[in-house]
N, C-alpha and C. Protein backbone atom coordinates (compact mmCIF):
# COMPACT_ATOMS: atom_id res chain seq x y z
N MET A 1 8.83 6.85 -29.45
CA MET A 1 7.53 7.49 -29.42
C MET A 1 7.62 8.82 -28.68
N ALA A 2 7.09 9.84 -29.26
CA ALA A 2 7.05 11.16 -28.62
C ALA A 2 5.75 11.28 -27.82
N TYR A 3 5.89 11.75 -26.58
CA TYR A 3 4.72 11.92 -25.72
C TYR A 3 4.26 13.37 -25.76
N THR A 4 2.96 13.57 -25.58
CA THR A 4 2.43 14.93 -25.49
C THR A 4 2.70 15.46 -24.08
N LEU A 5 2.58 16.77 -23.93
CA LEU A 5 2.72 17.35 -22.60
C LEU A 5 1.69 16.78 -21.64
N GLN A 6 0.46 16.54 -22.11
CA GLN A 6 -0.58 15.96 -21.26
C GLN A 6 -0.19 14.56 -20.80
N GLN A 7 0.36 13.75 -21.71
CA GLN A 7 0.77 12.40 -21.33
C GLN A 7 1.91 12.44 -20.31
N LEU A 8 2.87 13.33 -20.50
CA LEU A 8 3.96 13.46 -19.54
C LEU A 8 3.43 13.91 -18.18
N SER A 9 2.48 14.83 -18.19
CA SER A 9 1.84 15.27 -16.95
C SER A 9 1.10 14.12 -16.27
N ASP A 10 0.40 13.29 -17.07
CA ASP A 10 -0.31 12.14 -16.52
C ASP A 10 0.65 11.16 -15.87
N PHE A 11 1.78 10.88 -16.53
CA PHE A 11 2.78 9.98 -15.94
C PHE A 11 3.22 10.50 -14.58
N GLU A 12 3.52 11.77 -14.51
CA GLU A 12 4.00 12.35 -13.25
C GLU A 12 2.91 12.32 -12.18
N ASP A 13 1.68 12.61 -12.56
CA ASP A 13 0.58 12.56 -11.58
C ASP A 13 0.40 11.15 -11.03
N ILE A 14 0.53 10.14 -11.86
CA ILE A 14 0.39 8.75 -11.41
C ILE A 14 1.56 8.36 -10.51
N ARG A 15 2.77 8.74 -10.86
CA ARG A 15 3.93 8.46 -10.00
C ARG A 15 3.74 9.12 -8.64
N THR A 16 3.30 10.36 -8.64
CA THR A 16 3.08 11.08 -7.39
C THR A 16 2.01 10.40 -6.55
N LEU A 17 0.94 9.95 -7.19
CA LEU A 17 -0.13 9.23 -6.47
C LEU A 17 0.44 8.02 -5.74
N LYS A 18 1.22 7.21 -6.42
CA LYS A 18 1.75 5.99 -5.81
C LYS A 18 2.74 6.32 -4.69
N HIS A 19 3.59 7.32 -4.90
CA HIS A 19 4.52 7.70 -3.84
C HIS A 19 3.78 8.22 -2.62
N ARG A 20 2.72 8.99 -2.82
CA ARG A 20 1.91 9.48 -1.69
C ARG A 20 1.25 8.32 -0.96
N TYR A 21 0.81 7.31 -1.72
CA TYR A 21 0.20 6.13 -1.11
C TYR A 21 1.19 5.47 -0.14
N PHE A 22 2.41 5.25 -0.59
CA PHE A 22 3.40 4.62 0.28
C PHE A 22 3.66 5.48 1.52
N ARG A 23 3.83 6.75 1.35
CA ARG A 23 4.06 7.64 2.49
C ARG A 23 2.87 7.64 3.43
N ALA A 24 1.67 7.65 2.89
CA ALA A 24 0.47 7.71 3.72
C ALA A 24 0.28 6.45 4.55
N ILE A 25 0.56 5.26 3.98
CA ILE A 25 0.38 4.05 4.79
C ILE A 25 1.46 3.96 5.87
N ASP A 26 2.67 4.41 5.57
CA ASP A 26 3.75 4.34 6.55
C ASP A 26 3.59 5.34 7.69
N THR A 27 2.77 6.34 7.50
CA THR A 27 2.57 7.37 8.52
C THR A 27 1.13 7.42 9.04
N ALA A 28 0.30 6.46 8.63
CA ALA A 28 -1.12 6.41 9.03
C ALA A 28 -1.83 7.73 8.71
N ASP A 29 -1.54 8.29 7.55
CA ASP A 29 -2.17 9.54 7.13
C ASP A 29 -3.48 9.22 6.41
N MET A 30 -4.51 8.96 7.17
CA MET A 30 -5.80 8.55 6.61
C MET A 30 -6.45 9.68 5.82
N ALA A 31 -6.21 10.90 6.18
CA ALA A 31 -6.76 12.03 5.42
C ALA A 31 -6.21 12.03 4.00
N LEU A 32 -4.93 11.75 3.85
CA LEU A 32 -4.32 11.69 2.53
C LEU A 32 -4.83 10.49 1.74
N LEU A 33 -4.99 9.34 2.40
CA LEU A 33 -5.45 8.13 1.74
C LEU A 33 -6.90 8.23 1.25
N THR A 34 -7.71 8.98 1.92
CA THR A 34 -9.15 9.00 1.67
C THR A 34 -9.52 9.25 0.22
N ASP A 35 -8.78 10.10 -0.47
CA ASP A 35 -9.16 10.47 -1.84
C ASP A 35 -8.29 9.80 -2.90
N MET A 36 -7.55 8.76 -2.54
CA MET A 36 -6.64 8.12 -3.50
C MET A 36 -7.27 6.98 -4.30
N PHE A 37 -8.44 6.51 -3.88
CA PHE A 37 -9.01 5.31 -4.47
C PHE A 37 -10.36 5.60 -5.13
N THR A 38 -10.65 4.85 -6.21
CA THR A 38 -11.99 4.93 -6.77
C THR A 38 -12.95 4.25 -5.80
N ASP A 39 -14.23 4.57 -5.91
CA ASP A 39 -15.22 3.95 -5.02
C ASP A 39 -15.24 2.44 -5.16
N ASP A 40 -14.92 1.91 -6.35
CA ASP A 40 -15.00 0.47 -6.62
C ASP A 40 -13.63 -0.21 -6.67
N ILE A 41 -12.64 0.34 -5.98
CA ILE A 41 -11.30 -0.25 -6.03
C ILE A 41 -11.34 -1.74 -5.70
N ALA A 42 -10.53 -2.50 -6.41
CA ALA A 42 -10.36 -3.93 -6.14
C ALA A 42 -8.90 -4.15 -5.71
N VAL A 43 -8.72 -4.98 -4.69
CA VAL A 43 -7.40 -5.18 -4.10
C VAL A 43 -7.15 -6.67 -3.94
N GLU A 44 -5.92 -7.09 -4.28
CA GLU A 44 -5.49 -8.46 -4.01
C GLU A 44 -3.98 -8.45 -3.80
N TYR A 45 -3.57 -8.80 -2.57
CA TYR A 45 -2.16 -8.89 -2.22
C TYR A 45 -1.86 -10.35 -1.91
N ARG A 46 -0.86 -10.91 -2.59
CA ARG A 46 -0.48 -12.31 -2.38
C ARG A 46 0.93 -12.36 -1.83
N GLY A 47 1.04 -12.69 -0.54
CA GLY A 47 2.33 -12.76 0.12
C GLY A 47 2.73 -14.19 0.40
N GLY A 48 3.83 -14.35 1.13
CA GLY A 48 4.36 -15.67 1.42
C GLY A 48 3.42 -16.54 2.23
N GLY A 49 2.69 -15.96 3.14
CA GLY A 49 1.79 -16.74 3.98
C GLY A 49 0.41 -16.15 4.10
N TYR A 50 0.08 -15.20 3.24
CA TYR A 50 -1.22 -14.53 3.34
C TYR A 50 -1.74 -14.14 1.97
N LYS A 51 -3.03 -13.89 1.94
CA LYS A 51 -3.68 -13.33 0.77
C LYS A 51 -4.73 -12.34 1.28
N VAL A 52 -4.67 -11.13 0.75
CA VAL A 52 -5.65 -10.10 1.07
C VAL A 52 -6.50 -9.87 -0.16
N LYS A 53 -7.82 -9.87 0.03
CA LYS A 53 -8.72 -9.60 -1.08
C LYS A 53 -9.89 -8.78 -0.56
N LEU A 54 -10.13 -7.65 -1.23
CA LEU A 54 -11.24 -6.79 -0.83
C LEU A 54 -11.67 -5.92 -1.99
N GLU A 55 -12.84 -5.35 -1.86
CA GLU A 55 -13.37 -4.41 -2.86
C GLU A 55 -14.00 -3.23 -2.15
N GLY A 56 -13.89 -2.07 -2.77
CA GLY A 56 -14.53 -0.86 -2.29
C GLY A 56 -13.59 0.04 -1.50
N ARG A 57 -13.75 1.33 -1.71
CA ARG A 57 -12.90 2.34 -1.06
C ARG A 57 -12.98 2.27 0.47
N GLU A 58 -14.19 2.15 1.00
CA GLU A 58 -14.34 2.12 2.46
C GLU A 58 -13.64 0.91 3.06
N ASN A 59 -13.76 -0.26 2.40
CA ASN A 59 -13.06 -1.45 2.88
C ASN A 59 -11.55 -1.27 2.82
N MET A 60 -11.06 -0.63 1.77
CA MET A 60 -9.62 -0.38 1.65
C MET A 60 -9.14 0.51 2.79
N LEU A 61 -9.89 1.55 3.08
CA LEU A 61 -9.48 2.46 4.16
C LEU A 61 -9.50 1.76 5.52
N VAL A 62 -10.51 0.93 5.77
CA VAL A 62 -10.57 0.17 7.02
C VAL A 62 -9.39 -0.80 7.10
N PHE A 63 -9.12 -1.49 6.00
CA PHE A 63 -8.00 -2.43 5.97
C PHE A 63 -6.68 -1.73 6.28
N LEU A 64 -6.42 -0.62 5.62
CA LEU A 64 -5.15 0.08 5.81
C LEU A 64 -5.03 0.65 7.22
N ALA A 65 -6.10 1.24 7.74
CA ALA A 65 -6.05 1.82 9.09
C ALA A 65 -5.77 0.75 10.14
N ASN A 66 -6.34 -0.42 9.96
CA ASN A 66 -6.14 -1.50 10.93
C ASN A 66 -4.84 -2.25 10.73
N SER A 67 -4.34 -2.27 9.52
CA SER A 67 -3.08 -2.96 9.24
C SER A 67 -1.87 -2.14 9.66
N PHE A 68 -1.92 -0.84 9.44
CA PHE A 68 -0.81 0.04 9.78
C PHE A 68 -1.20 0.80 11.05
N ASN A 69 -1.18 0.08 12.16
CA ASN A 69 -1.69 0.59 13.43
C ASN A 69 -0.54 0.92 14.38
N SER A 70 -0.89 1.29 15.60
CA SER A 70 0.11 1.77 16.57
C SER A 70 1.05 0.69 17.07
N ASP A 71 0.78 -0.58 16.78
CA ASP A 71 1.67 -1.67 17.17
C ASP A 71 2.62 -2.07 16.05
N CYS A 72 2.71 -1.24 15.02
CA CYS A 72 3.52 -1.56 13.85
C CYS A 72 4.48 -0.42 13.53
N ALA A 73 5.43 -0.74 12.68
CA ALA A 73 6.31 0.25 12.05
C ALA A 73 6.48 -0.23 10.61
N ALA A 74 6.58 0.71 9.67
CA ALA A 74 6.62 0.28 8.27
C ALA A 74 7.43 1.24 7.41
N MET A 75 7.96 0.66 6.32
CA MET A 75 8.66 1.43 5.29
C MET A 75 8.35 0.77 3.95
N HIS A 76 7.76 1.54 3.04
CA HIS A 76 7.44 1.04 1.70
C HIS A 76 8.07 1.98 0.67
N GLN A 77 8.76 1.39 -0.29
CA GLN A 77 9.33 2.17 -1.39
C GLN A 77 8.96 1.51 -2.71
N GLY A 78 8.46 2.31 -3.63
CA GLY A 78 8.14 1.83 -4.97
C GLY A 78 9.20 2.30 -5.95
N HIS A 79 9.73 1.36 -6.69
CA HIS A 79 10.82 1.66 -7.62
C HIS A 79 10.43 1.28 -9.05
N GLN A 80 11.15 1.84 -9.99
CA GLN A 80 11.11 1.44 -11.40
C GLN A 80 9.69 1.38 -11.98
N PRO A 81 8.93 2.46 -11.89
CA PRO A 81 7.56 2.41 -12.43
C PRO A 81 7.54 2.25 -13.94
N GLU A 82 6.67 1.38 -14.39
CA GLU A 82 6.39 1.20 -15.82
C GLU A 82 4.92 1.57 -16.00
N ILE A 83 4.67 2.77 -16.48
CA ILE A 83 3.31 3.28 -16.59
C ILE A 83 2.91 3.32 -18.06
N THR A 84 1.73 2.79 -18.34
CA THR A 84 1.19 2.77 -19.69
C THR A 84 -0.18 3.44 -19.68
N LEU A 85 -0.34 4.46 -20.50
CA LEU A 85 -1.66 5.07 -20.65
C LEU A 85 -2.48 4.18 -21.58
N THR A 86 -3.64 3.74 -21.10
CA THR A 86 -4.48 2.83 -21.88
C THR A 86 -5.69 3.52 -22.48
N GLY A 87 -5.89 4.78 -22.15
CA GLY A 87 -6.98 5.60 -22.67
C GLY A 87 -6.79 7.01 -22.16
N ASP A 88 -7.70 7.90 -22.50
CA ASP A 88 -7.57 9.28 -22.04
C ASP A 88 -7.62 9.38 -20.52
N ASP A 89 -8.40 8.51 -19.89
CA ASP A 89 -8.59 8.57 -18.44
C ASP A 89 -8.29 7.25 -17.74
N THR A 90 -7.50 6.39 -18.37
CA THR A 90 -7.13 5.10 -17.77
C THR A 90 -5.66 4.83 -18.01
N ALA A 91 -5.08 4.09 -17.07
CA ALA A 91 -3.66 3.74 -17.18
C ALA A 91 -3.40 2.49 -16.36
N GLU A 92 -2.25 1.88 -16.64
CA GLU A 92 -1.79 0.72 -15.88
C GLU A 92 -0.36 1.00 -15.44
N GLY A 93 0.02 0.39 -14.33
CA GLY A 93 1.37 0.57 -13.84
C GLY A 93 1.91 -0.68 -13.21
N ILE A 94 3.20 -0.88 -13.35
CA ILE A 94 3.92 -1.95 -12.68
C ILE A 94 5.01 -1.28 -11.85
N TRP A 95 5.10 -1.67 -10.59
CA TRP A 95 6.07 -1.10 -9.66
C TRP A 95 6.82 -2.23 -8.96
N TYR A 96 8.07 -2.00 -8.66
CA TYR A 96 8.83 -2.93 -7.84
C TYR A 96 8.84 -2.38 -6.42
N LEU A 97 8.26 -3.13 -5.50
CA LEU A 97 8.15 -2.71 -4.10
C LEU A 97 9.30 -3.30 -3.28
N GLU A 98 9.84 -2.50 -2.39
CA GLU A 98 10.68 -2.99 -1.30
C GLU A 98 10.06 -2.48 -0.02
N ASP A 99 9.85 -3.38 0.94
CA ASP A 99 9.20 -2.95 2.17
C ASP A 99 9.76 -3.66 3.38
N ILE A 100 9.61 -2.98 4.51
CA ILE A 100 9.88 -3.54 5.83
C ILE A 100 8.64 -3.29 6.64
N PHE A 101 8.13 -4.35 7.26
CA PHE A 101 6.96 -4.23 8.12
C PHE A 101 7.31 -4.86 9.45
N VAL A 102 7.16 -4.08 10.52
CA VAL A 102 7.51 -4.53 11.86
C VAL A 102 6.24 -4.65 12.70
N ASN A 103 6.04 -5.82 13.27
CA ASN A 103 4.98 -6.00 14.26
C ASN A 103 5.66 -5.86 15.61
N VAL A 104 5.54 -4.67 16.18
CA VAL A 104 6.25 -4.36 17.43
C VAL A 104 5.75 -5.25 18.56
N ALA A 105 4.45 -5.47 18.63
CA ALA A 105 3.88 -6.27 19.71
C ALA A 105 4.42 -7.70 19.72
N HIS A 106 4.63 -8.27 18.53
CA HIS A 106 5.14 -9.65 18.43
C HIS A 106 6.65 -9.70 18.18
N ARG A 107 7.26 -8.52 18.03
CA ARG A 107 8.70 -8.40 17.79
C ARG A 107 9.15 -9.16 16.54
N THR A 108 8.34 -9.08 15.49
CA THR A 108 8.71 -9.70 14.21
C THR A 108 8.90 -8.61 13.16
N ARG A 109 9.75 -8.95 12.20
CA ARG A 109 10.03 -8.04 11.09
C ARG A 109 9.91 -8.82 9.79
N THR A 110 9.15 -8.24 8.86
CA THR A 110 9.05 -8.79 7.51
C THR A 110 9.78 -7.84 6.58
N HIS A 111 10.70 -8.38 5.80
CA HIS A 111 11.42 -7.59 4.80
C HIS A 111 11.22 -8.31 3.48
N GLY A 112 10.73 -7.58 2.49
CA GLY A 112 10.46 -8.25 1.23
C GLY A 112 10.42 -7.33 0.04
N THR A 113 10.15 -7.97 -1.07
CA THR A 113 9.93 -7.26 -2.32
C THR A 113 8.70 -7.86 -2.97
N ALA A 114 8.09 -7.09 -3.85
CA ALA A 114 6.90 -7.56 -4.55
C ALA A 114 6.78 -6.79 -5.86
N ILE A 115 6.01 -7.35 -6.76
CA ILE A 115 5.67 -6.67 -8.01
C ILE A 115 4.21 -6.23 -7.90
N TYR A 116 4.01 -4.92 -7.90
CA TYR A 116 2.67 -4.33 -7.92
C TYR A 116 2.20 -4.22 -9.36
N ARG A 117 0.94 -4.50 -9.58
CA ARG A 117 0.27 -4.25 -10.86
C ARG A 117 -0.98 -3.43 -10.53
N ASP A 118 -1.00 -2.21 -11.02
CA ASP A 118 -2.08 -1.28 -10.71
C ASP A 118 -2.85 -0.88 -11.95
N GLN A 119 -4.10 -0.50 -11.73
CA GLN A 119 -4.90 0.16 -12.76
C GLN A 119 -5.35 1.49 -12.16
N TYR A 120 -5.27 2.52 -12.96
CA TYR A 120 -5.62 3.87 -12.53
C TYR A 120 -6.75 4.40 -13.39
N ARG A 121 -7.56 5.27 -12.79
CA ARG A 121 -8.64 5.91 -13.52
C ARG A 121 -8.69 7.38 -13.10
N ARG A 122 -8.84 8.26 -14.08
CA ARG A 122 -8.99 9.68 -13.77
C ARG A 122 -10.46 9.93 -13.46
N VAL A 123 -10.72 10.47 -12.28
CA VAL A 123 -12.07 10.77 -11.82
C VAL A 123 -12.12 12.25 -11.47
N ASP A 124 -13.01 12.98 -12.11
CA ASP A 124 -13.13 14.43 -11.87
C ASP A 124 -11.77 15.12 -11.96
N GLY A 125 -10.99 14.73 -12.98
CA GLY A 125 -9.71 15.37 -13.25
C GLY A 125 -8.55 14.90 -12.39
N LYS A 126 -8.77 13.88 -11.55
CA LYS A 126 -7.72 13.44 -10.62
C LYS A 126 -7.49 11.93 -10.78
N TRP A 127 -6.22 11.53 -10.90
CA TRP A 127 -5.88 10.11 -11.02
C TRP A 127 -6.08 9.42 -9.68
N LYS A 128 -6.70 8.21 -9.74
CA LYS A 128 -6.94 7.41 -8.55
C LYS A 128 -6.61 5.95 -8.83
N LEU A 129 -6.32 5.22 -7.78
CA LEU A 129 -6.13 3.77 -7.91
C LEU A 129 -7.49 3.10 -8.05
N ALA A 130 -7.66 2.31 -9.12
CA ALA A 130 -8.91 1.57 -9.35
C ALA A 130 -8.73 0.08 -9.07
N ARG A 131 -7.52 -0.41 -9.21
CA ARG A 131 -7.18 -1.80 -8.89
C ARG A 131 -5.72 -1.84 -8.50
N THR A 132 -5.42 -2.60 -7.46
CA THR A 132 -4.04 -2.78 -7.05
C THR A 132 -3.85 -4.21 -6.57
N GLU A 133 -2.75 -4.80 -6.99
CA GLU A 133 -2.43 -6.16 -6.56
C GLU A 133 -0.92 -6.32 -6.55
N TYR A 134 -0.46 -7.26 -5.74
CA TYR A 134 0.95 -7.61 -5.81
C TYR A 134 1.15 -9.08 -5.53
N ASP A 135 2.30 -9.55 -6.03
CA ASP A 135 2.81 -10.88 -5.74
C ASP A 135 4.20 -10.70 -5.17
N ARG A 136 4.46 -11.35 -4.05
CA ARG A 136 5.78 -11.28 -3.43
C ARG A 136 6.82 -11.94 -4.31
N VAL A 137 7.99 -11.31 -4.38
CA VAL A 137 9.15 -11.89 -5.04
C VAL A 137 9.99 -12.61 -3.99
N ILE A 138 10.28 -11.90 -2.89
CA ILE A 138 10.90 -12.51 -1.72
C ILE A 138 10.24 -11.96 -0.48
N GLU A 139 10.28 -12.75 0.60
CA GLU A 139 9.70 -12.32 1.87
C GLU A 139 10.43 -13.03 3.00
N PHE A 140 11.13 -12.26 3.82
CA PHE A 140 11.84 -12.80 4.97
C PHE A 140 11.11 -12.34 6.22
N VAL A 141 10.92 -13.24 7.17
CA VAL A 141 10.33 -12.89 8.45
C VAL A 141 11.28 -13.36 9.53
N ASP A 142 11.65 -12.45 10.42
CA ASP A 142 12.50 -12.84 11.53
C ASP A 142 11.99 -12.22 12.83
N THR A 143 12.58 -12.65 13.92
CA THR A 143 12.21 -12.16 15.24
C THR A 143 13.31 -11.24 15.74
N PHE A 144 12.90 -10.12 16.35
CA PHE A 144 13.88 -9.18 16.90
C PHE A 144 14.54 -9.78 18.13
N PRO A 145 15.85 -9.68 18.23
CA PRO A 145 16.52 -10.06 19.48
C PRO A 145 16.07 -9.12 20.61
N ALA A 146 16.19 -9.57 21.82
CA ALA A 146 15.74 -8.79 22.97
C ALA A 146 16.43 -7.44 23.08
N ASP A 147 17.67 -7.32 22.57
CA ASP A 147 18.40 -6.06 22.70
C ASP A 147 18.10 -5.04 21.60
N VAL A 148 17.24 -5.37 20.64
CA VAL A 148 16.88 -4.42 19.59
C VAL A 148 15.82 -3.47 20.13
N GLU A 149 16.12 -2.19 20.00
CA GLU A 149 15.22 -1.15 20.50
C GLU A 149 14.79 -0.26 19.32
N ILE A 150 13.49 0.00 19.21
CA ILE A 150 13.00 0.91 18.18
C ILE A 150 13.00 2.31 18.78
N LYS A 151 13.82 3.18 18.21
CA LYS A 151 14.01 4.53 18.74
C LYS A 151 12.99 5.54 18.20
N SER A 152 12.46 5.26 17.01
CA SER A 152 11.49 6.19 16.42
C SER A 152 10.45 5.38 15.66
N ASN A 153 9.19 5.74 15.81
CA ASN A 153 8.12 5.00 15.17
C ASN A 153 6.88 5.89 15.04
N MET A 154 6.67 6.44 13.87
CA MET A 154 5.55 7.33 13.64
C MET A 154 4.20 6.63 13.78
N LEU A 155 4.11 5.37 13.34
CA LEU A 155 2.84 4.65 13.47
C LEU A 155 2.43 4.49 14.93
N ALA A 156 3.38 4.38 15.84
CA ALA A 156 3.06 4.26 17.26
C ALA A 156 2.29 5.49 17.74
N LYS A 157 2.60 6.63 17.15
CA LYS A 157 1.93 7.87 17.53
C LYS A 157 0.63 8.08 16.76
N GLN A 158 0.65 7.80 15.46
CA GLN A 158 -0.47 8.18 14.59
C GLN A 158 -1.40 7.03 14.20
N GLY A 159 -0.96 5.79 14.36
CA GLY A 159 -1.78 4.65 13.97
C GLY A 159 -2.91 4.39 14.96
N LEU A 160 -3.88 3.60 14.51
CA LEU A 160 -5.01 3.24 15.37
C LEU A 160 -4.52 2.54 16.63
N LYS A 161 -5.04 2.97 17.77
CA LYS A 161 -4.74 2.32 19.05
C LYS A 161 -5.63 1.07 19.17
N PRO A 162 -5.23 0.11 20.02
CA PRO A 162 -5.98 -1.15 20.11
C PRO A 162 -7.48 -0.98 20.30
N ALA A 163 -7.91 -0.08 21.12
CA ALA A 163 -9.35 0.09 21.39
C ALA A 163 -10.13 0.61 20.18
N ASP A 164 -9.43 1.21 19.21
CA ASP A 164 -10.09 1.79 18.04
C ASP A 164 -10.08 0.88 16.82
N ARG A 165 -9.41 -0.26 16.90
CA ARG A 165 -9.28 -1.15 15.75
C ARG A 165 -10.54 -1.99 15.56
N THR A 166 -10.74 -2.40 14.30
CA THR A 166 -11.86 -3.28 13.97
C THR A 166 -11.32 -4.56 13.35
N ASP A 167 -12.14 -5.57 13.32
CA ASP A 167 -11.76 -6.89 12.81
C ASP A 167 -11.72 -6.85 11.28
N ILE A 168 -10.56 -7.18 10.71
CA ILE A 168 -10.42 -7.25 9.26
C ILE A 168 -10.10 -8.66 8.79
N SER A 169 -10.36 -9.64 9.65
CA SER A 169 -10.01 -11.03 9.33
C SER A 169 -10.74 -11.55 8.10
N ASN A 170 -11.89 -10.96 7.77
CA ASN A 170 -12.62 -11.39 6.57
C ASN A 170 -11.91 -10.95 5.28
N MET A 171 -10.92 -10.09 5.38
CA MET A 171 -10.18 -9.61 4.21
C MET A 171 -8.87 -10.36 4.00
N ILE A 172 -8.47 -11.19 4.98
CA ILE A 172 -7.17 -11.86 4.93
C ILE A 172 -7.36 -13.36 5.10
N SER A 173 -6.69 -14.11 4.26
CA SER A 173 -6.62 -15.56 4.49
C SER A 173 -5.15 -15.91 4.69
N TRP A 174 -4.91 -16.85 5.59
CA TRP A 174 -3.55 -17.23 5.98
C TRP A 174 -3.25 -18.63 5.49
N ALA A 175 -2.07 -18.81 4.93
CA ALA A 175 -1.63 -20.14 4.48
C ALA A 175 -1.12 -20.92 5.68
N ALA A 176 -1.27 -22.20 5.61
CA ALA A 176 -0.83 -23.07 6.72
C ALA A 176 0.68 -23.19 6.72
């Protein structure tokens, strides 16, 4: 199938959106995140011991700001995008995620992979995430030995400090 220049441009814009999303959560760049989601975004993340479910852009921003806070360190990479244009202003994408999430306060590290399934919508000429979900493929959680030292951590500098965080427990359910 031959793609039009517009379709090729749309693919690249969607890839860039997702890559910016990963960079923004890992660096607590809330200004960058603010315009990435539709007002009615729906979210569902299914991990090894948790499930996150929420709706709405403001809830997503609150969830991300509180999840990627100053007591954490994170690395998210999206690989092998499979993007399908489903209309002039709609698309779907599948991404393979590899991530490391460190809870510095509890000295735990989660290393895993997941399959993201996204829906995108062009709003006022700009692609945005309208729905995002993932299911974990693998998820390892371990505890840092006492001699492990974190030498650099951008979230420690830029993430929400404890006094500025809000309760997001209504967005997360934990498996026993």
